[in-house]
Protein backbone atom coordinates (compact mmCIF):
# COMPACT_ATOMS: atom_id res chain seq x y z
CA MET A 1 127.40 79.80 119.67
CA ARG A 2 127.98 83.35 120.83
CA ARG A 3 125.15 85.86 120.96
CA ARG A 4 127.24 88.99 121.51
CA PHE A 5 128.37 91.34 118.76
CA PRO A 6 131.72 93.21 118.80
CA GLU A 7 131.84 96.44 120.79
CA ASP A 8 132.61 98.48 117.66
CA PHE A 9 129.84 96.89 115.56
CA LEU A 10 127.83 99.57 113.74
CA TRP A 11 124.09 99.27 114.32
CA GLY A 12 121.97 101.33 111.97
CA THR A 13 118.80 101.69 109.95
CA ALA A 14 118.39 102.48 106.26
CA THR A 15 116.07 104.59 104.10
CA ALA A 16 115.95 105.95 100.54
CA SER A 17 115.30 109.48 99.36
CA TYR A 18 112.25 108.93 97.15
CA GLN A 19 110.64 106.66 99.71
CA ILE A 20 110.65 109.12 102.62
CA GLU A 21 111.52 112.70 101.66
CA GLY A 22 108.44 114.03 99.91
CA ALA A 23 108.76 117.71 98.86
CA TRP A 24 108.91 116.45 95.30
CA ARG A 25 108.99 119.87 93.60
CA GLU A 26 110.11 122.04 96.50
CA ASP A 27 113.15 124.33 96.69
CA GLY A 28 114.19 123.79 93.08
CA LYS A 29 114.11 120.00 92.96
CA GLY A 30 113.86 118.52 89.47
CA VAL A 31 111.74 115.60 88.28
CA SER A 32 113.01 112.03 88.59
CA ILE A 33 111.88 108.91 86.76
CA TRP A 34 109.99 107.86 89.88
CA ASP A 35 108.11 111.15 89.94
CA THR A 36 107.05 110.48 86.36
CA PHE A 37 106.32 106.79 86.92
CA THR A 38 104.12 107.27 90.00
CA HIS A 39 102.13 110.00 88.28
CA THR A 40 101.31 107.59 85.45
CA PRO A 41 97.94 105.90 86.14
CA GLY A 42 98.06 102.17 86.81
CA LYS A 43 101.73 101.89 87.76
CA ILE A 44 101.42 101.83 91.56
CA LYS A 45 99.31 99.24 93.41
CA ASP A 46 97.26 101.74 95.43
CA GLY A 47 97.61 104.70 93.05
CA SER A 48 99.81 106.58 95.50
CA THR A 49 102.98 108.63 94.92
CA GLY A 50 106.00 109.72 96.91
CA ASP A 51 105.03 113.39 96.58
CA ILE A 52 104.74 113.71 100.37
CA SER A 53 105.37 110.23 101.79
CA CYS A 54 106.93 110.66 105.28
CA ASP A 55 107.71 114.35 104.67
CA HIS A 56 111.23 113.70 105.93
CA TYR A 57 112.39 116.80 104.05
CA HIS A 58 110.61 118.93 106.65
CA LEU A 59 110.67 116.50 109.60
CA PHE A 60 114.25 115.20 109.44
CA GLU A 61 115.21 116.68 112.82
CA GLN A 62 112.37 114.79 114.46
CA ASP A 63 113.44 111.61 112.68
CA VAL A 64 117.07 111.99 113.76
CA GLU A 65 115.88 112.38 117.34
CA LEU A 66 114.06 109.06 116.96
CA MET A 67 117.31 107.53 115.74
CA LYS A 68 119.10 108.88 118.80
CA ARG A 69 116.50 107.37 121.12
CA LEU A 70 117.04 104.01 119.42
CA GLY A 71 120.76 104.30 120.12
CA LEU A 72 121.72 104.03 116.44
CA LYS A 73 125.42 104.22 115.69
CA ALA A 74 124.90 104.79 111.95
CA TYR A 75 122.25 105.82 109.45
CA ARG A 76 122.23 104.88 105.78
CA PHE A 77 120.30 107.21 103.49
CA SER A 78 120.33 108.13 99.82
CA LEU A 79 120.52 111.46 98.06
CA SER A 80 118.03 112.70 95.51
CA TRP A 81 120.10 113.46 92.41
CA THR A 82 117.41 115.84 91.12
CA ARG A 83 117.32 117.74 94.41
CA ILE A 84 121.01 118.54 93.93
CA ILE A 85 121.31 118.77 90.12
CA PRO A 86 117.72 119.20 88.82
CA GLU A 87 118.47 118.28 85.20
CA GLY A 88 120.96 115.56 86.05
CA LYS A 89 123.93 117.58 84.89
CA GLY A 90 124.86 121.23 84.76
CA ARG A 91 123.40 123.67 87.28
CA VAL A 92 123.76 122.72 90.96
CA ASN A 93 120.86 123.60 93.26
CA PRO A 94 122.31 125.08 96.50
CA LYS A 95 119.07 124.51 98.42
CA GLY A 96 119.27 120.79 97.73
CA LEU A 97 122.84 120.56 98.96
CA ASP A 98 121.92 122.63 101.98
CA PHE A 99 119.22 120.15 102.99
CA TYR A 100 121.67 117.25 103.03
CA SER A 101 124.30 119.37 104.74
CA ARG A 102 121.86 120.14 107.57
CA LEU A 103 120.88 116.46 107.79
CA VAL A 104 124.52 115.40 108.06
CA ASP A 105 125.26 118.04 110.70
CA THR A 106 122.25 116.93 112.74
CA LEU A 107 123.38 113.30 112.58
CA LYS A 108 126.92 114.19 113.60
CA LYS A 109 125.66 116.18 116.60
CA LYS A 110 123.84 113.05 117.76
CA ASN A 111 126.98 110.91 117.21
CA ILE A 112 125.34 108.97 114.38
CA GLU A 113 127.66 108.03 111.50
CA PRO A 114 126.18 108.99 108.11
CA PHE A 115 126.40 106.41 105.29
CA ILE A 116 125.43 107.97 101.97
CA THR A 117 124.08 106.13 98.94
CA LEU A 118 124.45 108.29 95.84
CA TYR A 119 121.86 106.47 93.75
CA HIS A 120 118.81 104.62 95.03
CA TRP A 121 116.89 104.32 91.75
CA ASP A 122 115.69 107.92 91.16
CA LEU A 123 117.41 108.89 87.90
CA PRO A 124 116.75 112.45 86.71
CA GLN A 125 113.98 112.39 84.09
CA ALA A 126 115.99 114.77 81.92
CA LEU A 127 118.72 112.12 81.60
CA GLU A 128 116.21 109.34 80.96
CA ASP A 129 114.76 111.42 78.14
CA LYS A 130 118.21 111.31 76.53
CA GLY A 131 118.59 107.55 76.87
CA GLY A 132 119.12 106.98 80.60
CA TRP A 133 121.44 104.10 81.46
CA LEU A 134 121.44 102.94 77.85
CA VAL A 135 123.77 105.79 76.85
CA ARG A 136 127.31 106.55 77.92
CA ASP A 137 126.66 110.20 78.68
CA THR A 138 124.77 109.20 81.83
CA VAL A 139 127.98 107.59 83.13
CA PHE A 140 129.80 110.90 83.09
CA ALA A 141 126.82 112.80 84.46
CA PHE A 142 126.81 110.45 87.46
CA ARG A 143 130.54 110.89 87.98
CA ASP A 144 130.17 114.67 87.98
CA TYR A 145 127.21 114.50 90.37
CA ALA A 146 129.22 112.34 92.76
CA LEU A 147 132.09 114.83 92.77
CA GLU A 148 129.80 117.78 93.46
CA VAL A 149 128.37 116.00 96.49
CA VAL A 150 131.75 114.95 97.84
CA LYS A 151 132.97 118.54 97.55
CA ALA A 152 130.03 119.62 99.69
CA LEU A 153 129.82 116.81 102.23
CA GLY A 154 133.08 114.87 102.08
CA ASP A 155 134.55 116.78 105.03
CA ARG A 156 131.89 115.23 107.31
CA VAL A 157 130.86 111.97 105.62
CA ARG A 158 133.32 109.10 105.44
CA TYR A 159 131.24 106.21 104.07
CA TRP A 160 129.86 106.40 100.52
CA MET A 161 128.02 103.89 98.35
CA THR A 162 127.65 104.53 94.64
CA PHE A 163 124.64 102.38 93.67
CA ASN A 164 121.95 100.39 95.41
CA GLU A 165 120.80 97.08 93.90
CA ILE A 166 121.76 97.36 90.25
CA PRO A 167 119.90 94.16 89.27
CA VAL A 168 116.66 95.61 90.63
CA PHE A 169 116.64 99.06 89.09
CA ILE A 170 117.90 97.77 85.74
CA GLY A 171 116.03 94.44 85.77
CA ALA A 172 112.70 95.72 87.08
CA GLY A 173 112.95 99.17 85.49
CA TYR A 174 114.36 98.40 82.04
CA GLY A 175 113.53 94.69 81.70
CA GLU A 176 110.24 93.86 83.41
CA GLY A 177 108.76 97.36 83.26
CA ILE A 178 107.30 97.15 86.79
CA HIS A 179 109.58 99.91 88.16
CA ALA A 180 110.58 103.27 86.74
CA PRO A 181 111.14 104.05 83.93
CA GLY A 182 108.80 101.19 82.98
CA LYS A 183 110.62 99.80 79.94
CA ARG A 184 110.76 96.26 78.58
CA LEU A 185 114.03 95.84 76.74
CA PRO A 186 115.72 92.73 75.30
CA PRO A 187 118.67 91.11 77.12
CA ALA A 188 121.35 92.67 74.90
CA LEU A 189 120.19 96.19 75.77
CA LEU A 190 119.93 95.28 79.46
CA ARG A 191 123.56 94.16 79.42
CA ARG A 192 124.53 97.55 77.94
CA ALA A 193 122.68 99.32 80.74
CA TYR A 194 124.33 97.14 83.39
CA HIS A 195 127.73 97.95 81.92
CA HIS A 196 127.12 101.69 81.97
CA VAL A 197 126.09 101.56 85.63
CA LEU A 198 129.17 99.54 86.56
CA LEU A 199 131.36 101.97 84.63
CA ALA A 200 129.71 104.90 86.42
CA HIS A 201 130.50 103.19 89.71
CA GLY A 202 134.16 102.67 88.83
CA LEU A 203 134.76 106.16 87.46
CA ALA A 204 133.04 107.75 90.45
CA VAL A 205 135.09 105.72 92.93
CA ARG A 206 138.31 106.69 91.18
CA GLU A 207 137.54 110.40 91.06
CA MET A 208 136.05 110.55 94.56
CA ARG A 209 139.19 108.95 95.97
CA ARG A 210 141.38 111.42 94.11
CA LEU A 211 139.38 114.26 95.53
CA ASN A 212 139.39 112.95 99.10
CA LYS A 213 141.68 110.10 100.10
CA GLY A 214 139.99 109.77 103.50
CA LEU A 215 136.73 108.39 102.10
CA LYS A 216 135.61 104.75 102.37
CA LEU A 217 133.91 103.77 99.10
CA GLY A 218 131.78 100.85 98.03
CA LEU A 219 128.52 99.79 96.44
CA VAL A 220 125.46 97.81 97.50
CA HIS A 221 124.42 94.52 95.92
CA CYS A 222 121.18 92.61 96.47
CA ALA A 223 122.68 89.17 96.92
CA SER A 224 120.65 86.30 95.54
CA ALA A 225 121.26 83.68 98.22
CA PRO A 226 121.06 79.95 97.43
CA VAL A 227 120.73 77.90 100.64
CA PRO A 228 121.97 74.29 100.58
CA LEU A 229 119.36 71.87 101.89
CA TRP A 230 122.20 69.85 103.42
CA GLU A 231 125.89 70.67 103.61
CA GLU A 232 126.96 67.87 101.32
CA GLU A 233 129.59 68.37 98.63
CA GLU A 234 127.26 67.82 95.67
CA ILE A 235 124.66 70.27 96.98
CA LEU A 236 127.27 72.84 98.00
CA GLU A 237 128.69 72.72 94.47
CA LYS A 238 125.24 73.19 92.96
CA ALA A 239 124.54 76.15 95.28
CA GLY A 240 127.89 77.67 94.32
CA GLU A 241 127.05 77.35 90.64
CA ILE A 242 123.73 79.10 91.19
CA TRP A 243 125.45 81.84 93.19
CA ASP A 244 127.94 82.46 90.36
CA GLU A 245 125.23 82.48 87.71
CA GLU A 246 123.05 84.97 89.57
CA ASN A 247 125.70 87.26 91.09
CA GLY A 248 128.87 86.93 89.03
CA PHE A 249 127.80 89.33 86.28
CA LEU A 250 127.80 92.18 88.81
CA LEU A 251 130.51 91.19 91.25
CA GLU A 252 133.23 89.74 89.00
CA PRO A 253 133.73 93.03 87.11
CA VAL A 254 133.91 94.98 90.38
CA PHE A 255 136.25 92.63 92.24
CA GLN A 256 138.13 90.93 89.40
CA GLY A 257 137.94 93.44 86.57
CA LYS A 258 136.33 91.04 84.09
CA TYR A 259 132.99 89.62 83.09
CA PRO A 260 132.28 85.89 83.48
CA PRO A 261 132.78 83.89 80.26
CA GLY A 262 130.06 84.62 77.74
CA LYS A 263 128.58 87.48 79.79
CA SER A 264 130.39 90.48 78.34
CA PRO A 265 128.09 93.12 76.81
CA ASP A 266 128.73 94.58 73.36
CA ASN A 267 129.50 98.13 74.52
CA VAL A 268 132.76 97.54 76.40
CA LYS A 269 135.47 99.99 75.38
CA GLU A 270 139.20 100.03 76.04
CA GLY A 271 139.89 100.92 79.66
CA ASP A 272 136.34 100.23 80.86
CA MET A 273 137.15 97.08 82.80
CA GLU A 274 140.11 98.69 84.51
CA SER A 275 137.82 101.50 85.65
CA ILE A 276 135.07 99.14 86.82
CA GLY A 277 137.64 97.16 88.80
CA GLU A 278 138.76 100.21 90.78
CA LYS A 279 139.33 98.94 94.31
CA THR A 280 136.49 99.38 96.76
CA ASP A 281 136.84 99.63 100.52
CA PHE A 282 133.71 97.67 101.37
CA LEU A 283 130.70 95.88 99.93
CA GLY A 284 127.14 96.39 101.09
CA LEU A 285 124.85 93.37 100.90
CA ASN A 286 121.05 93.56 100.97
CA ILE A 287 119.75 90.13 101.98
CA TYR A 288 116.11 89.51 102.80
CA SER A 289 115.47 85.97 101.66
CA GLY A 290 116.80 83.15 99.48
CA ARG A 291 115.94 79.82 97.91
CA TRP A 292 116.54 76.25 98.97
CA VAL A 293 118.90 74.21 96.79
CA GLY A 294 119.12 70.43 96.48
CA LYS A 295 121.14 68.12 94.24
CA GLU A 296 119.01 68.95 91.20
CA GLY A 297 119.01 72.70 91.79
CA ILE A 298 116.47 75.14 93.20
CA ILE A 299 113.57 73.61 95.14
CA ASP A 300 110.22 75.34 94.72
CA PHE A 301 108.60 76.65 97.89
CA PRO A 302 105.46 74.70 98.84
CA PRO A 303 102.13 76.49 99.30
CA HIS A 304 101.78 78.32 102.60
CA TYR A 305 105.54 78.45 103.23
CA PRO A 306 106.11 81.27 105.80
CA GLN A 307 106.51 84.68 104.20
CA ALA A 308 105.91 88.36 104.81
CA PHE A 309 102.30 89.48 104.51
CA ASP A 310 101.28 89.58 100.82
CA LEU A 311 104.91 89.59 99.63
CA PRO A 312 105.70 86.29 97.90
CA TRP A 313 109.36 87.22 97.32
CA LEU A 314 110.07 87.64 101.05
CA LYS A 315 110.15 84.06 102.31
CA PHE A 316 111.24 83.36 105.87
CA LEU A 317 114.68 81.81 105.33
CA PRO A 318 117.16 83.02 107.98
CA SER A 319 120.13 80.98 106.73
CA SER A 320 120.00 82.97 103.49
CA LEU A 321 121.87 85.67 105.37
CA TYR A 322 124.62 83.23 106.36
CA TRP A 323 125.02 81.77 102.88
CA GLY A 324 124.64 85.09 101.08
CA VAL A 325 127.55 86.52 103.03
CA LYS A 326 129.58 83.31 102.88
CA PHE A 327 129.49 82.84 99.11
CA CYS A 328 130.42 86.49 98.55
CA TRP A 329 133.19 86.49 101.16
CA LYS A 330 134.82 83.27 99.97
CA LYS A 331 134.57 84.19 96.27
CA TYR A 332 135.61 87.86 96.28
CA SER A 333 137.25 88.60 99.64
CA PRO A 334 135.87 92.13 100.15
CA ARG A 335 137.85 94.11 102.71
CA GLU A 336 134.77 94.87 104.76
CA ILE A 337 131.12 93.83 104.51
CA PHE A 338 128.07 95.69 105.76
CA LEU A 339 124.56 94.25 105.84
CA THR A 340 123.10 97.37 104.29
CA GLU A 341 119.50 96.12 104.23
CA ASN A 342 117.60 93.37 105.99
CA GLY A 343 114.03 93.60 107.23
CA TYR A 344 110.44 92.47 107.12
CA SER A 345 107.05 93.84 106.12
CA THR A 346 104.17 93.26 108.48
CA GLU A 347 100.42 93.50 108.01
CA SER A 348 99.20 97.09 108.25
CA PHE A 349 96.00 98.27 109.88
CA ILE A 350 96.22 102.03 109.75
CA GLY A 351 95.37 103.58 113.08
CA GLU A 352 94.86 100.24 114.86
CA GLU A 353 97.05 99.02 117.69
CA TYR A 354 97.70 95.63 116.09
CA SER A 355 100.17 97.13 113.63
CA LEU A 356 102.40 98.15 116.55
CA GLN A 357 102.71 94.65 118.05
CA ASP A 358 104.96 93.33 115.27
CA LEU A 359 106.09 90.08 116.85
CA ASP A 360 106.56 88.51 113.43
CA ARG A 361 109.17 91.15 112.58
CA ILE A 362 110.97 90.51 115.87
CA LEU A 363 111.06 86.77 115.14
CA TYR A 364 112.44 87.50 111.67
CA LEU A 365 115.16 89.87 112.93
CA ARG A 366 116.27 87.62 115.76
CA SER A 367 116.49 84.57 113.49
CA TYR A 368 118.47 86.37 110.79
CA LEU A 369 120.85 88.04 113.24
CA LEU A 370 121.72 84.65 114.72
CA GLU A 371 122.83 83.65 111.23
CA LEU A 372 124.86 86.86 110.96
CA LEU A 373 126.67 85.96 114.18
CA ARG A 374 127.29 82.50 112.77
CA ILE A 375 129.13 83.77 109.69
CA MET A 376 131.00 86.40 111.72
CA GLU A 377 132.18 83.64 114.04
CA GLU A 378 133.75 81.99 111.00
CA GLY A 379 135.73 85.16 110.32
CA ALA A 380 133.66 87.11 107.78
CA PRO A 381 134.62 90.81 108.00
CA VAL A 382 131.08 92.06 108.73
CA LYS A 383 131.31 95.50 110.35
CA GLY A 384 127.71 96.65 110.64
CA TYR A 385 124.01 95.99 110.15
CA PHE A 386 121.36 98.37 108.78
CA LEU A 387 117.78 97.38 109.46
CA TRP A 388 115.28 98.19 106.72
CA SER A 389 113.63 100.39 107.59
CA LEU A 390 113.53 103.18 110.12
CA LEU A 391 110.09 104.36 108.99
CA ASP A 392 107.11 102.95 107.19
CA ASN A 393 107.40 104.50 103.75
CA PHE A 394 106.48 104.48 100.06
CA GLU A 395 107.34 100.96 98.95
CA TRP A 396 107.88 101.51 95.21
CA ALA A 397 105.31 99.71 93.03
CA GLU A 398 103.54 98.51 96.19
CA GLY A 399 102.84 102.10 97.21
CA PHE A 400 101.78 102.44 100.84
CA THR A 401 100.38 98.91 101.07
CA LYS A 402 103.54 97.53 102.73
CA ARG A 403 105.11 98.59 106.01
CA PHE A 404 108.77 97.75 106.64
CA GLY A 405 109.35 100.37 109.34
CA ILE A 406 110.09 99.77 112.99
CA ILE A 407 108.38 103.15 113.46
CA TYR A 408 104.78 103.47 112.34
CA VAL A 409 103.90 106.47 110.17
CA ASP A 410 100.38 107.85 109.95
CA TYR A 411 100.57 109.36 106.46
CA GLN A 412 97.60 111.65 107.08
CA THR A 413 99.00 113.31 110.21
CA GLN A 414 102.72 112.45 109.81
CA LYS A 415 102.68 111.17 113.38
CA ARG A 416 105.47 108.70 114.19
CA ILE A 417 104.69 105.87 116.62
CA PRO A 418 107.41 103.36 117.65
CA LYS A 419 106.44 99.72 117.16
CA LEU A 420 107.36 96.92 119.53
CA SER A 421 110.25 96.00 117.23
CA SER A 422 111.83 99.42 117.75
CA GLU A 423 112.09 98.76 121.49
CA TRP A 424 113.49 95.29 120.78
CA TYR A 425 116.10 96.81 118.47
CA ARG A 426 116.94 99.55 120.98
CA ARG A 427 117.65 96.95 123.66
CA LEU A 428 119.74 94.88 121.27
CA ILE A 429 121.88 97.91 120.38
CA LYS A 430 122.29 98.92 124.01
CA ARG A 431 123.36 95.44 125.15
CA GLY A 432 125.10 94.29 121.98
CA GLU A 433 123.67 90.84 122.60
CA LEU A 434 120.74 88.92 121.15
CA PRO A 435 118.08 88.04 123.72
C-alpha cells in the first residue's frame, strides 16, 4: 500500500469562531446562543466560557504565522454570524467584516487557502428568541447573511461551507439540551428544525452561486461510521443499513432531493426539496470514530477499549475513516470530498511538559491517515485533510477540560507552544508521505 499523498493534496487545520476568537462583546459583536448558554450556571463542565478563549481575534496574525511554519496549504475556520450581523438580520457591522477581511488577506499572503464555514453552531440569540431553527424566518436570515459575507470576501475566498454538523447542533442543542440553546424537543419538532437548516443550506448555495459563479460550495457532515467486523456480505449489508439509517436523513435530501421513506418532516413546502437538492461542489466529512458492526448489528465496546482521555465517544477505530468515506462515496457520489475534521484529545496538565509529548495523538493520526490513503487508492475523490485542531480551545460543553490542539495554549498568558504532534504534522506536509 502506498504511503504518499498526491502533490496537490490540501493539508490544513480547522477551528471554529466561538471556540477560539474570544472578544465576545468587542467592536459591535452581538450575543450568540453560545454566549448565553455558557453564561448560564451549570451548563459547562468547568464553568468556563468562550469570552476570551484563545483570543484569536487579537492574535490572529501570530496564529497565521504558526500555520505558515507548519507548512499548511489550507485553513478551515468559521465566521461568527453575530460579529457580522449582531441581531442576525438587518444592520451589518463593518468592524466584524473587517476582522475577517484582514484574516483572509493575512492567509493569502502566506499562501494558505482559506476555507470558510458560515455556521459552526453560534446562532444569533436575537433569532433564537424568535424561534431559532424552528421557524422559517431563520432560513431567510441565514441566506441574507451568507450573501453579505460573499459580497465582502468572495473575491478572495473560493471554498465555502454552509453548515457544520447539523445532527450535532440540532440533536444536542434542541433535542438533548446539552448544547446551546439547551432545549429538549420531541422528534417531530426536531425534524422541522433539520428541514429548516437544510433549506437554508440549499437557498444559500443557490444565491451564492448566482452572485459569484467562481465559488466552490458545500457543507460539512459528521458521518456516523459503521465498521464491518469482517468484510462478509451479510455484515456489509447490515453496516450499509445502519449507515443509511443514521446518515440518509441529512444526505439524501442534499444529494437526491428527497427524504428517505417515512422520514419527511411536516413542514415541507412546494419547492423546498428542489432548493435543498441544489448541486454542491464538494462534501466535507468530519470523522473521528465509529462503531463495530457484526451480523446482528452494532457491537458494544468492551470496558477499557482504547479511547481519548475522558471522552467515551472518541474510540480508537482508524478504519472508521475508511468506511465513513466509502459508504458516502458509493451512495452519493460527491464530486469532491474533504476530511474537514479528524483529531484526538489528549490528557492535559497545564504548564507541565507531559502535555507536549502527545505520542497518543501521533499514533491516532498516523493510523487514521493510513486508512485515508486506503480509500483514496480505491478512487475516492478526497482532495484534502483538515486536522482538528490547530489550537487547544474551548471545547463546547467540556469547556477547557479537553485539548485537541497540536499547539498548546496557556489560557492565562495566551502563550502558544507547539506540541510534538505539530512537528510530526509539519514533516508529513513537507514530505507528503506517512513515516
